[in-house]
Structure formats: structure tokens, C-alpha cells
Amino acid sequence: MKKIINTLALGAAVTLLASCDLDLMPNNAIAYNPEQIVETASDLNGFENGMFSYFRGTQYGVYNIASEVMCDGFNAMADFGNNYGSIHRTDNSFSATDYDAEDHWENIYHAIMRYNVVINGLQENVPADLLAKAAVVRGEGYFFRADSYLRLVRLYAKAYAHSTPSSDLGVPLVLEYDQTARPARNTIQEVYDQIGKDLDSAAVLLAGVKGEVRAQKPTIDAVNALYARYYLDIKDYAKAAAAANTVITSAAGYKLSASAEEMTNEWLNDKGNEPVFQMYATYAERPNRNFDAWTNTSRDPDHGDYFRPYFIPSSNLMNLYEVNDLRLAQWFDKGGHEVFFNSDYHNDVFYVFTKYLGNPALRSAPDAMPDGYQAVKPILISEMYLIAAEANLAAGNASSAKSALNTLQSARGASLTEASNTTIHNEWFKETVGQGYRMVCLKRWNEGFSSRPGQASAIEAGALAQGAAYESKSLPAGDFHYLWPIPSHEFEVNNNLVQNPGYSAAE
């Protein structure tokens, strides 16, 4: 009766390496009996572990890096080898065949297919002794699907706040596995409505899963955090602030890192108190890395560990940090390691971004060079303070906005400020750098950037790529590049799709 593709029900030890051949309509069919996909506890565990594998496979790596280097926080090195080059320049080479935009679309949709099988397959015909566990697994599926569609609509559609949601196009909603379907794009409103419905389902099914610091599975706190993101996008500021505050005041006891030791424990050792959701990771089962673009460490007998980054932080970003800001010391390196560029080694020349240098416990040996592997942290309590500040200010509650903003600033050792659009936006930039939020924040605020000037010392050293597409790049608010292109090969199999403005369907 039951015919299930083996890769869907993989156990916990399997790590997903997302590949470029996974798309909305994969040509390798999944055959299964939707009336009964689970007969044993082993089946159920396999499906749950498979979902986690696919979700983690769409976190970090290109999923953080691409949208970050597109904006004003990073400059390409002179010898960056055109890595992430098209999206960094956003010139004519950033097209419907761009690998970075393709990876997001293809792999997230392929993961959604897996979530759909679990969500729909566990609604009935589950053995009685597995009903309680199956309900939780379905709740996790709804959480993953809501998160996935939120990421997709943020990248491939206009920002809800600056669109006509009832008519502007979002992304296709695929809620059941059907390999023969050729879905058209739903409206932005329809996509956000579905995200809300999925969160409502997750909230019911995960209501009994209490939050805990570094929880390795979605909890009710994680659901509320995702609600906060959702409500912020759709301009329901009162609910966004309330959802964020629910997580901030959770009995789980999430805590902002407020010392150098706590920052190191959080960002190097994966043992901090900020994660609302932190995914399982071991040396044998390591996730994607936020590494090659920003750190790219090598080792030489004469020079020790040194950096070969493709991108370094811009002066736009670095000028926002004060000298005593804990984030400056923890997330950036200047002079601690040599930097190799233009065929030579250099020391003490400019800041390199080291937020994701890697957990030593996930390396092959304690003395192995840093390689960027860290536990994936999809939700951090710091984001909830940022959402609370932004949402409260937008709702007219300046006092609560300032309180949330100042709590974060105080913990990080930054000067306290009044709550304004400028101070809150700057705090988003400083706090979430490298997490893949910069582009969606600029879209939500209807802001752009006029340039991304390099660090003065990097310019003097001749370290940076030069020209209008690099350090002089501007991307004004409303530029069509803030809507990524739908991959061209999707149009080869689905003539119901419509491409975003500024791009060709076939390139």
C-alpha cells in the first residue's frame, strides 16, 4: 500500500546538501500513498527528520550571503573571482539564469514539497499510539512551510507595505504534492494569508511545546517569533509588537549577550542564551556555512591562519559601530590575522567580517583552522527586540519602542538613543549583519542606498574592486532588482508563470 521515496524518510544522521537540480516541478517523481504514509514510529521519525534536514539545507550559505552582498554592507575584493558577482553588481548579468536566485527558488520549493507530503499525509489514518506525536510533526511542517513562503515572497515580490497586495503578484502557492500541476503566481495577499493560516495551524499543534533556550525544534515561542515577522510585514504593528514581546518575556529566559565572554559563547561556541531556535549540528552532520564570502580561512606554515575573503565590510557598515560596541570586537577582525589579496599577505589593514568564523567543536580537531561550520540559528531573541522597537514606533508607542531599542543597545555596549526610523534602521543593520535581512529591510522601509564606499584603508591598499558596479553602486528605493528574477528554466515547464519586471523569462 505504501510507496514512499526513500530520501523523504531519512533518519537524523542524513545531512541535506542542496543542489541546483531541485525545482518547483522536479523531474524525479515522488510516489506515495497520501492516505497512509505512517505505519510505525520509525516512519514518523523518518519523516520528521527528513523535514528538518530539508529546512536546515535552506539555511545559511547562499541563503544568507546573496542578499547581503547585493546591498551596501559589503565590498568585493579586487580578486574576489566573481563569486556572487552578478548579484553584487546587479547589472545585466543578474538575470533569470543567476545561480543565487535559482538556488533560493528551487531548493525552498523542493523543501516545501516535503512539508506538504507530511502535512497532508498525517491528517488521517495515523495509528492511535502515534496521534499525539504526529500532531506535533504536522505543526512543525506548518511552521517550516510558513517560514519558507515568507522568505520566498520577501525575495520575489514587492514588499507588502509598498504594494497593492490584492493584485500584485507574489509566488505560486503549492500546498499539495502534484507533479503535473503548473501553478500560476498567487497575489501577495493570498501568499501572506496562507502564511497566516499556516502559523495559526502551527500555533494550535505546537501549543504544548514550550520554548527553551537553544531549542532544537520549533516551539510555541518560535511560532510567536515567526508571527512577529509576519505581522511586521503586513503592517499589523500592534500584533507584531505583542508577538515579539511574548517571546521576549517567555519563561524560557532568552537573554541578550552583554559581555565579551557571552558574545564569544554565543557566536563562536553555539552555547549562548539568545537562540529561540538553534538546529542540531555535529562534526558528522554539519550545516551550510556563512564562510566563503566573508572569511575563507587558509593556513600557511609561515603565516598561520589567514583570511582570503571575497567581500569585506563597507564603511557604511563599519562607521555605525562605536569603539566599545561588543559586536565590533566579536564580529570583525582587524590585525588579528593576515589577509591575503593581490598575491600577497597583509596585516592590520582593514576589518574582515568574522561573525561566522565557525565553532571549534565542529572542526576535525581542536587545532584545525576555522572552517565556518556553526549551528544554524533561524531565530534569535535580538530580532524580537528590533521588531518590538520598529512595530511600536510605527504604532505610535514611542516609549515602548525606545525601551526595546535601548535594551538591545545597552546589552551590546552601544550608546542609548531615542527611537526613530533612523536609529532603529541603523540598529537592524548593525545587529543582523550577515543574517540575510538587509535587502528585505530596505524593501520594507522603501529605502535604497546611494553607494557602498569601502574602508579607507582597503582603498589605500588597492584591495577593492573599483567602478560604478562596485564601491560606487547605487540601488534606489523601488529599483526592480529588489524583486529577484524567477528562474528561466521554470518557464520551460510552466507557461502559467509571469516574470518580474525588468527581467526576461528566457535568458
Protein backbone atom coordinates (compact mmCIF):
# COMPACT_ATOMS: atom_id res chain seq x y z
CA MET A 1 0.00 0.00 0.00
CA LYS A 2 2.73 2.45 0.92
CA LYS A 3 5.16 3.69 -1.71
CA ILE A 4 7.41 6.41 -0.38
CA ILE A 5 10.62 7.71 -1.88
CA ASN A 6 13.42 6.73 0.48
CA THR A 7 15.07 10.14 0.66
CA LEU A 8 11.95 11.62 2.19
CA ALA A 9 12.02 9.41 5.25
CA LEU A 10 15.69 9.65 6.02
CA GLY A 11 16.91 9.39 9.59
CA ALA A 12 18.56 12.02 11.75
CA ALA A 13 22.06 11.27 10.56
CA VAL A 14 21.42 12.40 7.00
CA THR A 15 22.54 15.87 6.00
CA LEU A 16 20.96 17.62 3.03
CA LEU A 17 23.31 19.20 0.55
CA ALA A 18 21.01 21.37 -1.54
CA SER A 19 21.76 21.01 -5.23
CA CYS A 20 20.90 23.03 -8.28
CA ASP A 21 18.61 20.45 -9.88
CA LEU A 22 15.79 20.72 -7.35
CA ASP A 23 12.93 22.89 -8.53
CA LEU A 24 9.24 23.60 -8.31
CA MET A 25 8.46 20.75 -10.70
CA PRO A 26 11.21 18.16 -10.06
CA ASN A 27 11.53 15.55 -12.76
CA ASN A 28 12.17 12.76 -10.25
CA ALA A 29 8.72 11.75 -9.09
CA ILE A 30 7.78 11.08 -5.52
CA ALA A 31 5.31 8.22 -5.38
CA TYR A 32 3.38 7.78 -2.17
CA ASN A 33 0.01 6.80 -0.85
CA PRO A 34 -1.36 10.00 0.73
CA GLU A 35 -3.92 8.01 2.68
CA GLN A 36 -1.30 6.34 4.85
CA ILE A 37 2.32 7.41 4.90
CA VAL A 38 3.00 6.39 8.50
CA GLU A 39 2.54 2.92 9.99
CA THR A 40 5.26 2.83 12.64
CA ALA A 41 7.12 5.19 14.98
CA SER A 42 10.16 4.71 12.79
CA ASP A 43 8.20 6.01 9.79
CA LEU A 44 7.11 9.07 11.72
CA ASN A 45 10.61 9.82 12.99
CA GLY A 46 11.97 9.45 9.50
CA PHE A 47 9.52 11.94 8.04
CA GLU A 48 10.20 14.42 10.83
CA ASN A 49 13.96 14.11 10.45
CA GLY A 50 13.63 14.49 6.70
CA MET A 51 11.77 17.79 7.13
CA PHE A 52 14.44 19.08 9.47
CA SER A 53 17.14 18.10 7.01
CA TYR A 54 15.46 19.98 4.18
CA PHE A 55 14.75 23.04 6.31
CA ARG A 56 18.32 23.23 7.54
CA GLY A 57 19.53 22.76 3.98
CA THR A 58 17.84 26.05 3.04
CA GLN A 59 19.52 28.00 5.84
CA TYR A 60 22.90 29.76 5.85
CA GLY A 61 25.34 29.74 2.96
CA VAL A 62 23.90 31.34 -0.16
CA TYR A 63 20.60 31.87 1.68
CA ASN A 64 22.30 34.45 3.91
CA ILE A 65 25.13 35.67 1.73
CA ALA A 66 23.47 36.54 -1.59
CA SER A 67 21.04 39.20 -0.41
CA GLU A 68 23.65 40.66 1.96
CA VAL A 69 26.34 41.26 -0.67
CA MET A 70 23.69 42.66 -3.01
CA CYS A 71 23.31 45.68 -0.73
CA ASP A 72 25.51 48.30 0.90
CA GLY A 73 27.18 46.42 3.71
CA PHE A 74 29.99 44.71 1.80
CA ASN A 75 32.58 45.48 -0.88
CA ALA A 76 34.03 42.97 -3.31
CA MET A 77 37.77 42.40 -3.08
CA ALA A 78 39.81 43.09 -6.20
CA ASP A 79 40.49 39.35 -6.55
CA PHE A 80 37.06 38.05 -5.47
CA GLY A 81 36.90 35.80 -8.53
CA ASN A 82 33.37 36.93 -9.46
CA ASN A 83 31.92 34.90 -6.60
CA TYR A 84 28.39 36.27 -6.07
CA GLY A 85 29.43 38.78 -8.70
CA SER A 86 26.17 39.15 -10.60
CA ILE A 87 24.04 39.81 -7.55
CA HIS A 88 26.67 42.11 -6.03
CA ARG A 89 26.78 44.24 -9.17
CA THR A 90 23.06 43.85 -10.02
CA ASP A 91 23.94 44.69 -13.59
CA ASN A 92 22.77 42.93 -16.75
CA SER A 93 24.46 39.73 -15.61
CA PHE A 94 21.93 39.45 -12.78
CA SER A 95 19.27 37.71 -14.80
CA ALA A 96 16.81 34.84 -14.73
CA THR A 97 19.72 32.42 -15.05
CA ASP A 98 21.51 33.70 -11.95
CA TYR A 99 22.56 30.78 -9.78
CA ASP A 100 21.97 32.56 -6.48
CA ALA A 101 18.37 33.48 -7.30
CA GLU A 102 17.82 29.99 -8.73
CA ASP A 103 19.10 28.25 -5.61
CA HIS A 104 16.62 30.05 -3.37
CA TRP A 105 13.62 29.35 -5.60
CA GLU A 106 14.43 25.75 -6.48
CA ASN A 107 15.60 24.44 -3.14
CA ILE A 108 12.99 26.16 -0.99
CA TYR A 109 10.21 24.90 -3.24
CA HIS A 110 11.67 21.43 -3.17
CA ALA A 111 11.64 21.57 0.63
CA ILE A 112 8.02 22.82 0.58
CA MET A 113 7.10 19.72 -1.40
CA ARG A 114 8.41 17.63 1.50
CA TYR A 115 6.49 19.64 4.07
CA ASN A 116 3.30 19.25 2.04
CA VAL A 117 3.62 15.48 1.98
CA VAL A 118 3.93 15.39 5.76
CA ILE A 119 1.21 18.00 6.47
CA ASN A 120 -1.32 16.28 4.25
CA GLY A 121 -0.26 12.70 4.91
CA LEU A 122 -0.57 12.96 8.69
CA GLN A 123 -4.10 14.31 8.79
CA GLU A 124 -5.73 10.88 8.96
CA ASN A 125 -5.04 7.15 9.11
CA VAL A 126 -2.32 7.58 11.73
CA PRO A 127 -2.02 4.73 14.25
CA ALA A 128 -3.67 5.68 17.55
CA ASP A 129 -0.48 5.44 19.56
CA LEU A 130 1.23 7.94 17.24
CA LEU A 131 -1.51 10.58 17.06
CA ALA A 132 0.00 12.96 19.62
CA LYS A 133 3.47 12.84 18.09
CA ALA A 134 2.03 13.11 14.56
CA ALA A 135 0.18 16.29 15.54
CA VAL A 136 3.43 17.88 16.68
CA VAL A 137 5.21 16.81 13.48
CA ARG A 138 2.41 18.36 11.42
CA GLY A 139 2.81 21.54 13.46
CA GLU A 140 6.49 21.58 12.58
CA GLY A 141 5.56 21.14 8.93
CA TYR A 142 3.23 24.15 9.07
CA PHE A 143 5.97 26.19 10.77
CA PHE A 144 8.54 25.26 8.12
CA ARG A 145 6.11 25.99 5.29
CA ALA A 146 5.15 29.38 6.75
CA ASP A 147 8.81 30.33 7.12
CA SER A 148 9.58 29.16 3.59
CA TYR A 149 6.78 31.12 1.93
CA LEU A 150 7.67 34.20 3.96
CA ARG A 151 11.23 34.04 2.64
CA LEU A 152 10.08 33.45 -0.94
CA VAL A 153 7.57 36.29 -1.04
CA ARG A 154 10.08 38.68 0.52
CA LEU A 155 12.57 37.93 -2.26
CA TYR A 156 10.47 37.54 -5.39
CA ALA A 157 7.64 40.03 -4.81
CA LYS A 158 7.15 43.63 -3.80
CA ALA A 159 7.13 44.43 -0.11
CA TYR A 160 3.61 44.09 1.25
CA ALA A 161 3.78 47.60 2.72
CA HIS A 162 4.59 49.19 -0.67
CA SER A 163 2.41 47.18 -2.99
CA THR A 164 -1.20 46.58 -3.90
CA PRO A 165 -1.34 43.18 -2.20
CA SER A 166 -4.68 42.18 -3.70
CA SER A 167 -3.37 42.42 -7.28
CA ASP A 168 0.45 42.49 -7.28
CA LEU A 169 1.99 39.09 -7.87
CA GLY A 170 3.61 37.07 -5.14
CA VAL A 171 4.80 33.48 -5.63
CA PRO A 172 2.91 30.30 -6.52
CA LEU A 173 1.23 28.61 -3.57
CA VAL A 174 1.79 24.87 -3.75
CA LEU A 175 0.00 23.18 -0.86
CA GLU A 176 -0.26 19.61 -2.12
CA TYR A 177 2.18 17.42 -3.95
CA ASP A 178 1.14 17.19 -7.60
CA GLN A 179 3.90 16.75 -10.13
CA THR A 180 1.54 17.51 -13.03
CA ALA A 181 0.45 20.90 -11.66
CA ARG A 182 1.63 24.10 -13.36
CA PRO A 183 0.79 26.73 -10.75
CA ALA A 184 0.46 30.41 -11.55
CA ARG A 185 1.68 33.10 -9.20
CA ASN A 186 -0.74 33.98 -6.43
CA THR A 187 -1.19 37.55 -5.30
CA ILE A 188 0.90 38.92 -2.45
CA GLN A 189 -2.25 39.00 -0.31
CA GLU A 190 -3.00 35.35 -0.98
CA VAL A 191 0.54 34.32 -0.06
CA TYR A 192 0.50 36.26 3.20
CA ASP A 193 -2.96 34.94 4.01
CA GLN A 194 -1.63 31.40 3.62
CA ILE A 195 1.37 32.19 5.82
CA GLY A 196 -1.06 33.39 8.47
CA LYS A 197 -3.15 30.23 8.16
CA ASP A 198 -0.06 28.02 8.46
CA LEU A 199 1.05 29.92 11.55
CA ASP A 200 -2.42 29.54 13.06
CA SER A 201 -2.20 25.78 12.49
CA ALA A 202 1.32 25.63 13.92
CA ALA A 203 0.20 27.62 16.97
CA VAL A 204 -2.54 25.09 17.73
CA LEU A 205 -0.45 21.99 17.13
CA LEU A 206 2.67 23.28 18.92
CA ALA A 207 0.84 24.99 21.79
CA GLY A 208 2.13 22.39 24.22
CA VAL A 209 5.75 22.58 23.03
CA LYS A 210 7.23 25.05 25.49
CA GLY A 211 10.02 27.37 24.50
CA GLU A 212 13.54 26.77 25.72
CA VAL A 213 16.88 28.40 25.07
CA ARG A 214 18.55 26.82 22.02
CA ALA A 215 15.52 24.61 21.33
CA GLN A 216 16.42 22.26 18.50
CA LYS A 217 12.85 22.04 17.24
CA PRO A 218 10.13 24.65 16.66
CA THR A 219 8.36 25.60 19.89
CA ILE A 220 5.43 27.89 20.62
CA ASP A 221 7.99 30.66 21.16
CA ALA A 222 9.38 30.06 17.67
CA VAL A 223 5.84 30.26 16.28
CA ASN A 224 5.27 33.58 18.03
CA ALA A 225 8.59 34.87 16.69
CA LEU A 226 7.51 33.97 13.16
CA TYR A 227 4.16 35.67 13.83
CA ALA A 228 6.14 38.79 14.77
CA ARG A 229 7.93 38.77 11.40
CA TYR A 230 4.66 38.15 9.58
CA TYR A 231 2.71 40.91 11.35
CA LEU A 232 5.56 43.38 10.83
CA ASP A 233 5.45 42.72 7.09
CA ILE A 234 1.68 43.19 6.79
CA LYS A 235 1.75 46.38 8.91
CA ASP A 236 -0.24 44.99 11.80
CA TYR A 237 2.12 46.72 14.17
CA ALA A 238 0.22 46.17 17.39
CA LYS A 239 0.20 42.39 16.85
CA ALA A 240 3.85 42.40 15.72
CA ALA A 241 4.91 44.16 18.92
CA ALA A 242 2.74 41.88 21.05
CA ALA A 243 4.11 38.71 19.44
CA ALA A 244 7.70 39.91 19.84
CA ASN A 245 7.08 40.82 23.46
CA THR A 246 5.56 37.40 24.13
CA VAL A 247 8.87 35.83 23.13
CA ILE A 248 10.96 38.42 24.98
CA THR A 249 9.08 37.74 28.23
CA SER A 250 8.89 33.95 27.74
CA ALA A 251 9.54 31.77 30.75
CA ALA A 252 12.30 30.15 28.70
CA GLY A 253 14.56 33.03 29.74
CA TYR A 254 16.22 34.12 26.50
CA LYS A 255 18.96 36.63 27.26
CA LEU A 256 20.94 39.07 25.15
CA SER A 257 24.70 38.62 25.32
CA ALA A 258 26.05 41.58 27.29
CA SER A 259 29.75 40.84 27.75
CA ALA A 260 32.69 39.74 25.66
CA GLU A 261 32.53 36.30 27.23
CA GLU A 262 28.82 35.92 26.47
CA MET A 263 29.30 37.11 22.89
CA THR A 264 32.04 34.54 22.35
CA ASN A 265 29.93 31.83 23.90
CA GLU A 266 27.06 32.76 21.59
CA TRP A 267 28.78 33.38 18.29
CA LEU A 268 31.77 31.07 18.45
CA ASN A 269 30.74 28.17 20.69
CA ASP A 270 26.98 27.99 19.92
CA LYS A 271 26.21 27.97 23.66
CA GLY A 272 24.61 31.36 24.18
CA ASN A 273 21.21 32.27 25.57
CA GLU A 274 19.86 34.15 22.54
CA PRO A 275 18.57 31.38 20.23
CA VAL A 276 14.83 30.75 20.26
CA PHE A 277 15.54 28.01 17.72
CA GLN A 278 19.01 26.55 17.14
CA MET A 279 19.31 23.50 14.93
CA TYR A 280 21.21 20.32 15.68
CA ALA A 281 24.80 20.19 14.44
CA THR A 282 27.76 17.88 14.95
CA TYR A 283 31.05 17.35 13.14
CA ALA A 284 29.46 14.40 11.32
CA GLU A 285 26.37 16.38 10.42
CA ARG A 286 27.40 19.92 9.62
CA PRO A 287 25.18 22.58 8.02
CA ASN A 288 25.75 25.11 5.26
CA ARG A 289 28.37 27.75 6.01
CA ASN A 290 28.30 31.57 6.09
CA PHE A 291 32.00 31.48 5.37
CA ASP A 292 33.49 31.61 1.90
CA ALA A 293 32.30 35.10 1.02
CA TRP A 294 33.48 36.77 4.22
CA THR A 295 36.28 34.79 5.87
CA ASN A 296 37.55 31.95 3.68
CA THR A 297 40.38 30.97 6.02
CA SER A 298 43.55 29.27 4.82
CA ARG A 299 46.71 28.16 6.62
CA ASP A 300 50.37 28.64 5.78
CA PRO A 301 53.44 27.46 7.77
CA ASP A 302 54.93 30.93 7.74
CA HIS A 303 51.77 32.98 8.16
CA GLY A 304 49.49 30.75 10.22
CA ASP A 305 45.75 31.07 9.67
CA TYR A 306 44.92 33.91 7.31
CA PHE A 307 41.85 35.27 5.53
CA ARG A 308 41.09 35.25 1.81
CA PRO A 309 37.65 36.91 1.78
CA TYR A 310 35.67 37.66 -1.35
CA PHE A 311 33.97 40.56 0.44
CA ILE A 312 34.84 42.83 3.36
CA PRO A 313 32.57 45.21 5.31
CA SER A 314 31.91 48.60 3.77
CA SER A 315 32.48 51.88 5.57
CA ASN A 316 28.69 52.31 5.51
CA LEU A 317 28.52 49.45 7.99
CA MET A 318 31.73 49.93 9.96
CA ASN A 319 31.07 53.61 10.66
CA LEU A 320 27.93 52.69 12.61
CA TYR A 321 29.82 50.79 15.33
CA GLU A 322 31.28 52.61 18.32
CA VAL A 323 34.64 51.56 19.72
CA ASN A 324 33.10 49.87 22.79
CA ASP A 325 30.38 48.02 20.90
CA LEU A 326 30.73 44.33 21.72
CA ARG A 327 29.72 43.45 18.17
CA LEU A 328 32.76 45.25 16.77
CA ALA A 329 35.15 43.06 18.75
CA GLN A 330 33.27 39.79 18.22
CA TRP A 331 32.14 40.02 14.61
CA PHE A 332 35.07 41.79 12.96
CA ASP A 333 38.83 41.23 12.83
CA LYS A 334 41.47 43.85 12.12
CA GLY A 335 45.05 42.75 12.53
CA GLY A 336 44.34 39.52 14.37
CA HIS A 337 45.07 37.55 11.22
CA GLU A 338 46.81 38.40 7.99
CA VAL A 339 44.71 38.94 4.88
CA PHE A 340 45.82 37.58 1.52
CA PHE A 341 44.91 39.61 -1.55
CA ASN A 342 46.55 40.67 -4.78
CA SER A 343 49.02 37.78 -4.42
CA ASP A 344 50.50 38.93 -1.12
CA TYR A 345 49.96 38.81 2.64
CA HIS A 346 48.91 41.93 4.52
CA ASN A 347 48.39 42.67 8.19
CA ASP A 348 46.46 45.27 10.21
CA VAL A 349 44.97 46.89 7.14
CA PHE A 350 41.15 46.71 7.39
CA TYR A 351 38.25 44.93 9.04
CA VAL A 352 37.21 41.43 7.93
CA PHE A 353 33.76 40.07 8.82
CA THR A 354 34.14 37.13 11.22
CA LYS A 355 30.67 36.69 12.72
CA TYR A 356 30.56 33.15 11.29
CA LEU A 357 34.13 32.02 11.82
CA GLY A 358 32.95 28.62 13.00
CA ASN A 359 32.51 26.58 16.16
CA PRO A 360 35.76 24.78 17.15
CA ALA A 361 33.68 21.80 18.31
CA LEU A 362 32.54 21.24 14.72
CA ARG A 363 36.08 21.08 13.30
CA SER A 364 38.07 17.94 12.61
CA ALA A 365 40.41 18.68 15.52
CA PRO A 366 40.70 21.39 18.19
CA ASP A 367 43.70 22.94 16.42
CA ALA A 368 42.20 22.73 12.92
CA MET A 369 41.86 26.03 11.15
CA PRO A 370 38.48 27.81 11.32
CA ASP A 371 36.14 26.49 8.64
CA GLY A 372 32.85 28.32 9.24
CA TYR A 373 30.67 25.48 10.48
CA GLN A 374 28.22 26.64 13.15
CA ALA A 375 24.84 25.59 14.43
CA VAL A 376 22.08 27.20 12.37
CA LYS A 377 20.15 29.79 14.40
CA PRO A 378 16.97 30.62 12.47
CA ILE A 379 15.51 32.76 15.30
CA LEU A 380 17.34 34.90 17.82
CA ILE A 381 15.90 36.97 20.64
CA SER A 382 17.77 40.06 19.39
CA GLU A 383 15.45 40.17 16.37
CA MET A 384 12.44 40.31 18.67
CA TYR A 385 13.79 43.50 20.28
CA LEU A 386 14.26 45.01 16.82
CA ILE A 387 10.74 44.06 15.76
CA ALA A 388 9.33 45.40 19.03
CA ALA A 389 11.14 48.71 18.52
CA GLU A 390 10.08 49.12 14.87
CA ALA A 391 6.50 47.98 15.38
CA ASN A 392 5.91 50.07 18.50
CA LEU A 393 7.27 53.19 16.81
CA ALA A 394 5.06 52.60 13.76
CA ALA A 395 2.07 52.08 16.06
CA GLY A 396 2.74 55.41 17.79
CA ASN A 397 4.12 53.94 21.01
CA ALA A 398 7.45 55.76 21.13
CA SER A 399 8.11 54.94 24.78
CA SER A 400 7.90 51.17 24.25
CA ALA A 401 9.92 51.50 21.05
CA LYS A 402 12.70 53.28 22.92
CA SER A 403 12.65 50.71 25.71
CA ALA A 404 13.13 47.80 23.30
CA LEU A 405 15.80 49.66 21.32
CA ASN A 406 17.72 50.74 24.41
CA THR A 407 17.65 47.24 25.91
CA LEU A 408 19.44 45.90 22.85
CA GLN A 409 21.84 48.84 22.65
CA SER A 410 22.71 48.59 26.33
CA ALA A 411 23.45 44.87 26.10
CA ARG A 412 25.76 45.42 23.14
CA GLY A 413 27.63 48.31 24.77
CA ALA A 414 26.33 50.91 22.32
CA SER A 415 25.16 54.41 23.20
CA LEU A 416 21.48 54.72 24.02
CA THR A 417 19.42 56.75 21.57
CA GLU A 418 15.90 57.95 21.07
CA ALA A 419 13.70 55.69 18.97
CA SER A 420 13.39 57.00 15.42
CA ASN A 421 13.29 55.43 11.99
CA THR A 422 16.97 56.24 11.57
CA THR A 423 18.18 54.81 14.89
CA ILE A 424 16.06 51.68 14.59
CA HIS A 425 17.07 51.07 10.98
CA ASN A 426 20.74 51.52 11.91
CA GLU A 427 20.34 49.03 14.73
CA TRP A 428 18.84 46.47 12.33
CA PHE A 429 21.88 46.97 10.06
CA LYS A 430 24.41 46.56 12.89
CA GLU A 431 22.69 43.68 14.67
CA THR A 432 21.60 41.44 11.81
CA VAL A 433 24.58 41.89 9.50
CA GLY A 434 25.28 38.63 7.69
CA GLN A 435 21.90 37.11 8.54
CA GLY A 436 20.32 37.80 5.14
CA TYR A 437 17.98 40.58 6.28
CA ARG A 438 19.45 43.72 4.71
CA MET A 439 17.61 43.55 1.39
CA VAL A 440 14.21 42.73 2.86
CA CYS A 441 14.63 45.50 5.44
CA LEU A 442 15.39 48.06 2.75
CA LYS A 443 12.33 46.87 0.81
CA ARG A 444 10.10 47.03 3.88
CA TRP A 445 11.26 50.59 4.61
CA ASN A 446 11.12 51.63 0.94
CA GLU A 447 14.73 52.73 1.16
CA GLY A 448 17.72 52.24 -1.10
CA PHE A 449 21.39 53.15 -0.98
CA SER A 450 23.40 55.70 -2.97
CA SER A 451 26.80 53.99 -2.69
CA ARG A 452 28.77 51.44 -0.70
CA PRO A 453 32.12 53.18 -0.08
CA GLY A 454 34.98 50.99 1.02
CA GLN A 455 37.00 51.23 4.19
CA ALA A 456 39.63 53.93 3.63
CA SER A 457 42.50 51.57 4.45
CA ALA A 458 41.19 48.99 1.97
CA ILE A 459 41.04 51.61 -0.76
CA GLU A 460 44.58 52.76 0.03
CA ALA A 461 45.79 49.16 -0.12
CA GLY A 462 44.20 48.64 -3.54
CA ALA A 463 42.19 45.77 -2.08
CA LEU A 464 38.78 46.53 -3.58
CA ALA A 465 37.10 46.08 -6.94
CA GLN A 466 36.50 49.55 -8.34
CA GLY A 467 33.81 51.08 -10.51
CA ALA A 468 30.17 52.05 -10.73
CA ALA A 469 29.01 48.47 -10.13
CA TYR A 470 31.17 48.06 -7.07
CA GLU A 471 32.03 50.67 -4.42
CA SER A 472 30.05 53.37 -6.26
CA LYS A 473 26.99 51.18 -6.72
CA SER A 474 23.60 52.74 -6.04
CA LEU A 475 20.29 50.93 -5.77
CA PRO A 476 17.47 53.41 -5.17
CA ALA A 477 14.24 52.55 -3.41
CA GLY A 478 11.86 50.77 -5.75
CA ASP A 479 14.58 49.53 -8.12
CA PHE A 480 13.36 46.41 -9.92
CA HIS A 481 16.34 44.39 -8.65
CA TYR A 482 14.72 44.27 -5.21
CA LEU A 483 12.42 41.71 -6.85
CA TRP A 484 14.59 38.79 -7.80
CA PRO A 485 14.03 37.09 -11.17
CA ILE A 486 12.07 33.87 -11.36
CA PRO A 487 14.46 31.25 -12.81
CA SER A 488 14.25 31.00 -16.58
CA HIS A 489 14.00 27.20 -16.65
CA GLU A 490 10.74 27.40 -14.69
CA PHE A 491 9.15 28.93 -17.78
CA GLU A 492 10.28 25.97 -19.86
CA VAL A 493 7.93 23.68 -17.93
CA ASN A 494 5.30 26.12 -16.69
CA ASN A 495 3.77 28.64 -19.09
CA ASN A 496 1.43 29.89 -16.38
CA LEU A 497 4.20 31.90 -14.73
CA VAL A 498 4.82 35.62 -15.21
CA GLN A 499 8.32 37.08 -14.90
CA ASN A 500 9.09 40.06 -12.67
CA PRO A 501 9.55 43.46 -14.34
CA GLY A 502 13.00 44.17 -15.72
CA TYR A 503 13.88 40.55 -16.49
CA SER A 504 13.31 38.26 -19.42
CA ALA A 505 11.64 34.88 -18.97
CA ALA A 506 14.25 33.25 -21.22
CA GLU A 507 17.86 34.32 -20.85
